[in-house]
């Protein structure tokens, strides 16, 4: 019965290691996604500013 306890502990430890690795991969992917969202948000803000400037120039004519 001792070997069953050792096997259970080893399987639980392996499961926790796999979950830890998946959590690290997820964290890295979230960082990449957040960087992409930040860049897109900045580009949209810049485009909205240019559109507002163009509208102001067109309205002044």
N, C-alpha and C. Protein backbone atom coordinates (compact mmCIF):
# COMPACT_ATOMS: atom_id res chain seq x y z
N UNK A 1 0.82 -1.19 0.00
CA UNK A 1 0.00 0.00 0.00
C UNK A 1 0.87 1.25 0.00
N UNK A 2 2.07 1.17 0.44
CA UNK A 2 2.97 2.31 0.49
C UNK A 2 3.26 2.84 -0.92
N UNK A 3 3.39 1.93 -1.88
CA UNK A 3 3.66 2.37 -3.25
C UNK A 3 2.49 3.14 -3.84
N UNK A 4 1.26 2.82 -3.39
CA UNK A 4 0.10 3.55 -3.88
C UNK A 4 0.11 4.99 -3.36
N UNK A 5 0.54 5.16 -2.15
CA UNK A 5 0.64 6.50 -1.58
C UNK A 5 1.70 7.32 -2.30
N UNK A 6 2.82 6.70 -2.59
CA UNK A 6 3.89 7.37 -3.32
C UNK A 6 3.43 7.74 -4.73
N UNK A 7 2.73 6.82 -5.38
CA UNK A 7 2.23 7.09 -6.73
C UNK A 7 1.22 8.23 -6.70
N UNK A 8 0.36 8.26 -5.70
CA UNK A 8 -0.63 9.34 -5.60
C UNK A 8 0.05 10.69 -5.39
N UNK A 9 1.05 10.72 -4.55
CA UNK A 9 1.78 11.97 -4.30
C UNK A 9 2.52 12.41 -5.56
N UNK A 10 3.12 11.47 -6.27
CA UNK A 10 3.83 11.81 -7.50
C UNK A 10 2.86 12.34 -8.57
N UNK A 11 1.71 11.71 -8.70
CA UNK A 11 0.73 12.18 -9.67
C UNK A 11 0.20 13.56 -9.31
N UNK A 12 -0.05 13.78 -8.03
CA UNK A 12 -0.52 15.10 -7.60
C UNK A 12 0.53 16.16 -7.85
N UNK A 13 1.79 15.84 -7.58
CA UNK A 13 2.88 16.79 -7.81
C UNK A 13 3.03 17.08 -9.31
N UNK A 14 2.95 16.05 -10.12
CA UNK A 14 3.05 16.25 -11.57
C UNK A 14 1.88 17.10 -12.07
N UNK A 15 0.70 16.86 -11.54
CA UNK A 15 -0.46 17.67 -11.92
C UNK A 15 -0.28 19.13 -11.55
N UNK A 16 0.25 19.39 -10.38
CA UNK A 16 0.49 20.78 -9.96
C UNK A 16 1.55 21.44 -10.83
N UNK A 17 2.57 20.69 -11.22
CA UNK A 17 3.60 21.24 -12.10
C UNK A 17 3.02 21.59 -13.46
N UNK A 18 2.17 20.73 -13.99
CA UNK A 18 1.53 21.00 -15.28
C UNK A 18 0.65 22.23 -15.18
N UNK A 19 -0.13 22.33 -14.11
CA UNK A 19 -0.98 23.51 -13.93
C UNK A 19 -0.14 24.78 -13.79
N UNK A 20 0.99 24.69 -13.11
CA UNK A 20 1.88 25.84 -12.98
C UNK A 20 2.44 26.28 -14.32
N UNK A 21 2.86 25.33 -15.13
CA UNK A 21 3.38 25.67 -16.46
C UNK A 21 2.30 26.29 -17.34
N UNK A 22 1.10 25.76 -17.27
CA UNK A 22 0.01 26.33 -18.05
C UNK A 22 -0.32 27.75 -17.58
N UNK A 23 -0.25 27.97 -16.28
CA UNK A 23 -0.51 29.31 -15.74
C UNK A 23 0.55 30.30 -16.22
N UNK A 24 1.80 29.88 -16.29
CA UNK A 24 2.86 30.77 -16.77
C UNK A 24 2.66 31.08 -18.25
N UNK A 25 2.30 30.07 -19.04
CA UNK A 25 2.04 30.31 -20.47
C UNK A 25 0.87 31.26 -20.66
N UNK A 26 -0.17 31.09 -19.87
CA UNK A 26 -1.33 31.97 -19.94
C UNK A 26 -0.94 33.40 -19.58
N UNK A 27 -0.14 33.56 -18.53
CA UNK A 27 0.29 34.89 -18.10
C UNK A 27 1.09 35.58 -19.20
N UNK A 28 1.97 34.83 -19.87
CA UNK A 28 2.76 35.42 -20.95
C UNK A 28 1.87 35.81 -22.13
N UNK A 29 0.89 34.98 -22.46
CA UNK A 29 -0.02 35.30 -23.55
C UNK A 29 -0.88 36.52 -23.22
N UNK A 30 -1.28 36.64 -21.97
CA UNK A 30 -2.07 37.81 -21.56
C UNK A 30 -1.24 39.08 -21.67
N UNK A 31 0.05 39.00 -21.32
CA UNK A 31 0.92 40.17 -21.46
C UNK A 31 1.02 40.60 -22.92
N UNK A 32 1.17 39.63 -23.83
CA UNK A 32 1.26 39.95 -25.27
C UNK A 32 -0.05 40.56 -25.74
N UNK A 33 -1.17 39.99 -25.33
CA UNK A 33 -2.47 40.51 -25.71
C UNK A 33 -2.69 41.92 -25.17
N UNK A 34 -2.29 42.16 -23.93
CA UNK A 34 -2.44 43.49 -23.35
C UNK A 34 -1.60 44.53 -24.10
N UNK A 35 -0.41 44.13 -24.52
CA UNK A 35 0.43 45.04 -25.29
C UNK A 35 -0.23 45.37 -26.64
N UNK A 36 -0.81 44.37 -27.28
CA UNK A 36 -1.51 44.59 -28.55
C UNK A 36 -2.72 45.50 -28.38
N UNK A 37 -3.47 45.29 -27.32
CA UNK A 37 -4.64 46.14 -27.05
C UNK A 37 -4.20 47.57 -26.78
N UNK A 38 -3.12 47.73 -26.06
CA UNK A 38 -2.60 49.07 -25.77
C UNK A 38 -2.19 49.79 -27.05
N UNK A 39 -1.48 49.09 -27.93
CA UNK A 39 -1.06 49.69 -29.20
C UNK A 39 -2.27 50.06 -30.06
N UNK A 40 -3.26 49.19 -30.10
CA UNK A 40 -4.46 49.47 -30.89
C UNK A 40 -5.22 50.66 -30.31
N UNK A 41 -5.28 50.74 -29.00
CA UNK A 41 -5.97 51.86 -28.35
C UNK A 41 -5.27 53.18 -28.65
N UNK A 42 -3.95 53.16 -28.61
CA UNK A 42 -3.21 54.38 -28.93
C UNK A 42 -3.42 54.78 -30.39
N UNK A 43 -3.43 53.81 -31.29
CA UNK A 43 -3.65 54.10 -32.71
C UNK A 43 -5.05 54.67 -32.93
N UNK A 44 -6.04 54.12 -32.26
CA UNK A 44 -7.40 54.64 -32.38
C UNK A 44 -7.52 56.05 -31.83
N UNK A 45 -6.86 56.32 -30.73
CA UNK A 45 -6.88 57.66 -30.15
C UNK A 45 -6.24 58.67 -31.10
N UNK A 46 -5.12 58.27 -31.69
CA UNK A 46 -4.44 59.15 -32.65
C UNK A 46 -5.32 59.39 -33.88
N UNK A 47 -5.95 58.33 -34.38
CA UNK A 47 -6.82 58.48 -35.55
C UNK A 47 -8.02 59.36 -35.22
N UNK A 48 -8.57 59.24 -34.03
CA UNK A 48 -9.71 60.07 -33.64
C UNK A 48 -9.29 61.54 -33.55
N UNK A 49 -8.09 61.79 -33.06
CA UNK A 49 -7.59 63.16 -33.01
C UNK A 49 -7.41 63.74 -34.39
N UNK A 50 -6.84 62.95 -35.30
CA UNK A 50 -6.67 63.43 -36.68
C UNK A 50 -8.02 63.68 -37.35
N UNK A 51 -9.00 62.82 -37.07
CA UNK A 51 -10.33 63.01 -37.63
C UNK A 51 -10.99 64.28 -37.09
N UNK A 52 -10.80 64.53 -35.81
CA UNK A 52 -11.36 65.75 -35.22
C UNK A 52 -10.69 66.99 -35.82
N UNK A 53 -9.39 66.92 -36.02
CA UNK A 53 -8.68 68.05 -36.64
C UNK A 53 -9.17 68.27 -38.07
N UNK A 54 -9.35 67.20 -38.84
CA UNK A 54 -9.84 67.31 -40.21
C UNK A 54 -11.25 67.88 -40.24
N UNK A 55 -12.08 67.47 -39.31
CA UNK A 55 -13.45 67.97 -39.26
C UNK A 55 -13.45 69.46 -38.91
N UNK A 56 -12.57 69.88 -38.04
CA UNK A 56 -12.48 71.28 -37.67
C UNK A 56 -12.03 72.13 -38.86
N UNK A 57 -11.06 71.61 -39.63
CA UNK A 57 -10.58 72.33 -40.80
C UNK A 57 -11.68 72.41 -41.86
N UNK A 58 -12.41 71.32 -42.05
CA UNK A 58 -13.48 71.30 -43.04
C UNK A 58 -14.63 72.22 -42.64
N UNK A 59 -14.89 72.32 -41.36
CA UNK A 59 -15.98 73.18 -40.88
C UNK A 59 -15.59 74.65 -41.00
N UNK A 60 -14.30 74.94 -40.93
CA UNK A 60 -13.84 76.32 -41.01
C UNK A 60 -13.91 76.84 -42.45
N UNK A 61 -13.97 75.99 -43.43
CA UNK A 61 -13.99 76.42 -44.83
C UNK A 61 -15.34 76.91 -45.25
